[in-house]
Amino acid sequence: MTSSTPPGHTPPRSIVPVVAAVVEREGRYLVGRRPAHKRHGDLWEFPGGKLEPDESWASGASRELDEELGVVVASLGATLFERRDAGSPYVIRFVETEIRGTPRPLEHSEVGWFTLDELEAMPLAPSDAAFVRHRRARAGST
C-alpha cells in the first residue's frame, strides 16, 4: 500500500476532502456565516462541505450548495487554492463555481456578497481567511 492517492481517486478517510465554492460576480464573492453551534461558529466561509466517500468534487459541490443555499451548480472550474485545515482531518479545496438561482441561507445564519477588501476585514474561518489572503496576493501581482 502506498502513501499517495492516485489522481481521480478518493483520499483515505483520515483525510477528509472538503469543497469550498468560490462564486464571484462583478468582483463580489458569495459567503455565508456559520451557525453559532458549529465548528468555527459565527465565522464567515465560502459555501460547501465534506465530500461523501467516493463522491466526485462536482457531485459534492452540487449536493452541498443545494443543501446550504438552494442553488444549482452550473459549472465547476479550476482549483484556486487548497489547504489542510489546522487541527482537523479536513483538506479544503477552493474551486471556481458558477451557480444558478438566488442563494438563501438554509444552513448559514446569513449569506452575502462581498469584495476582497470587505472579506479581509470580516471574521472568516481560518482556511477561508488564508484563501482570501492568497487571492489578494494574486490580484496584486497581476
Protein backbone atom coordinates (compact mmCIF):
# COMPACT_ATOMS: atom_id res chain seq x y z
CA MET A 1 0.00 0.00 0.00
CA THR A 2 1.37 3.40 -0.95
CA SER A 3 1.01 6.63 0.97
CA SER A 4 -0.17 8.62 -2.04
CA THR A 5 -3.59 8.56 -3.62
CA PRO A 6 -3.71 8.19 -7.42
CA PRO A 7 -5.31 11.12 -9.27
CA GLY A 8 -9.07 10.80 -9.54
CA HIS A 9 -9.39 8.53 -6.51
CA THR A 10 -10.93 9.43 -3.18
CA PRO A 11 -8.27 10.01 -0.50
CA PRO A 12 -8.31 7.87 2.64
CA ARG A 13 -10.83 8.98 5.27
CA SER A 14 -8.03 10.03 7.62
CA ILE A 15 -8.01 12.99 5.23
CA VAL A 16 -11.48 14.36 4.61
CA PRO A 17 -11.84 16.29 1.35
CA VAL A 18 -13.91 19.47 1.55
CA VAL A 19 -15.08 21.57 -1.39
CA ALA A 20 -15.36 25.34 -0.95
CA ALA A 21 -17.28 27.03 -3.77
CA VAL A 22 -15.78 30.31 -4.91
CA VAL A 23 -18.70 32.10 -6.54
CA GLU A 24 -17.74 35.53 -7.87
CA ARG A 25 -19.99 38.07 -9.56
CA GLU A 26 -18.80 41.54 -10.54
CA GLY A 27 -15.93 41.46 -8.06
CA ARG A 28 -18.06 40.22 -5.15
CA TYR A 29 -17.78 36.80 -3.54
CA LEU A 30 -20.59 34.73 -2.03
CA VAL A 31 -20.00 33.73 1.60
CA GLY A 32 -22.16 32.54 4.47
CA ARG A 33 -21.96 32.91 8.25
CA ARG A 34 -21.63 29.57 10.01
CA PRO A 35 -24.24 28.70 12.64
CA ALA A 36 -23.08 29.51 16.19
CA HIS A 37 -23.22 25.87 17.38
CA LYS A 38 -20.86 24.51 14.68
CA ARG A 39 -17.05 24.46 14.48
CA HIS A 40 -15.91 28.00 13.62
CA GLY A 41 -19.38 29.21 14.63
CA ASP A 42 -20.36 32.75 13.62
CA LEU A 43 -17.37 33.00 11.28
CA TRP A 44 -17.86 33.57 7.56
CA GLU A 45 -16.95 30.92 4.99
CA PHE A 46 -17.18 30.08 1.34
CA PRO A 47 -20.09 27.65 0.95
CA GLY A 48 -19.50 23.93 0.53
CA GLY A 49 -18.73 20.95 2.67
CA LYS A 50 -17.31 17.48 3.11
CA LEU A 51 -17.38 15.03 0.23
CA GLU A 52 -19.06 11.71 0.88
CA PRO A 53 -16.93 8.58 0.32
CA ASP A 54 -16.48 8.02 -3.45
CA GLU A 55 -18.25 11.32 -4.27
CA SER A 56 -16.75 13.49 -7.02
CA TRP A 57 -15.91 17.15 -6.46
CA ALA A 58 -18.72 18.19 -8.84
CA SER A 59 -21.30 15.96 -7.13
CA GLY A 60 -20.21 17.12 -3.69
CA ALA A 61 -20.40 20.79 -4.67
CA SER A 62 -23.83 20.28 -6.24
CA ARG A 63 -25.19 18.49 -3.18
CA GLU A 64 -23.72 20.92 -0.66
CA LEU A 65 -24.82 24.10 -2.45
CA ASP A 66 -28.32 22.74 -2.90
CA GLU A 67 -28.49 21.87 0.83
CA GLU A 68 -26.89 25.10 2.07
CA LEU A 69 -28.16 27.70 -0.38
CA GLY A 70 -30.91 26.16 -2.54
CA VAL A 71 -28.94 26.84 -5.75
CA VAL A 72 -27.84 24.72 -8.69
CA VAL A 73 -24.17 24.38 -9.61
CA ALA A 74 -23.93 25.31 -13.30
CA SER A 75 -20.22 24.52 -13.57
CA LEU A 76 -17.11 23.80 -11.56
CA GLY A 77 -13.87 25.39 -12.75
CA ALA A 78 -10.26 25.48 -11.66
CA THR A 79 -8.92 24.79 -8.20
CA LEU A 80 -7.75 28.17 -6.91
CA PHE A 81 -6.28 27.13 -3.56
CA GLU A 82 -6.02 24.07 -1.34
CA ARG A 83 -5.19 23.92 2.35
CA ARG A 84 -5.18 21.49 5.25
CA ASP A 85 -7.42 22.91 7.99
CA ALA A 86 -5.31 23.05 11.14
CA GLY A 87 -6.43 20.78 13.95
CA SER A 88 -8.76 18.73 11.74
CA PRO A 89 -8.66 16.00 9.09
CA TYR A 90 -10.10 18.41 6.51
CA VAL A 91 -8.31 19.39 3.31
CA ILE A 92 -10.25 22.25 1.77
CA ARG A 93 -10.18 22.81 -1.98
CA PHE A 94 -11.38 26.24 -3.11
CA VAL A 95 -12.89 25.84 -6.58
CA GLU A 96 -14.28 28.35 -9.08
CA THR A 97 -18.01 27.73 -9.17
CA GLU A 98 -20.87 29.11 -11.24
CA ILE A 99 -24.37 28.82 -9.85
CA ARG A 100 -27.95 29.33 -10.97
CA GLY A 101 -30.58 30.66 -8.61
CA THR A 102 -30.70 33.09 -5.72
CA PRO A 103 -28.74 31.93 -2.67
CA ARG A 104 -30.78 31.59 0.52
CA PRO A 105 -29.33 30.86 3.99
CA LEU A 106 -30.73 27.35 4.50
CA GLU A 107 -27.88 26.28 6.83
CA HIS A 108 -25.98 29.54 7.37
CA SER A 109 -27.32 32.24 9.66
CA GLU A 110 -26.89 34.70 6.77
CA VAL A 111 -25.32 34.95 3.31
CA GLY A 112 -23.93 37.88 1.37
CA TRP A 113 -21.76 39.12 -1.46
CA PHE A 114 -18.53 40.91 -0.51
CA THR A 115 -15.43 42.34 -2.17
CA LEU A 116 -11.97 41.07 -1.26
CA ASP A 117 -11.40 44.27 0.74
CA GLU A 118 -14.58 43.63 2.73
CA LEU A 119 -13.72 39.95 3.22
CA GLU A 120 -10.29 40.84 4.61
CA ALA A 121 -11.98 42.87 7.36
CA MET A 122 -14.55 40.18 8.23
CA PRO A 123 -14.22 37.36 10.77
CA LEU A 124 -13.52 34.42 8.45
CA ALA A 125 -12.89 30.76 9.25
CA PRO A 126 -9.10 30.20 9.22
CA SER A 127 -8.81 28.41 5.86
CA ASP A 128 -11.18 30.90 4.24
CA ALA A 129 -9.05 33.78 5.55
CA ALA A 130 -5.95 32.07 4.09
CA PHE A 131 -7.71 31.79 0.73
CA VAL A 132 -8.66 35.49 0.78
CA ARG A 133 -5.03 36.44 1.54
CA HIS A 134 -3.89 34.18 -1.31
CA ARG A 135 -6.46 35.71 -3.67
CA ARG A 136 -5.42 39.25 -2.70
CA ALA A 137 -1.75 38.42 -3.28
CA ARG A 138 -2.59 37.02 -6.72
CA ALA A 139 -4.73 40.06 -7.57
CA GLY A 140 -1.92 42.37 -6.50
CA SER A 141 0.60 40.60 -8.74
CA THR A 142 -1.43 40.93 -11.96
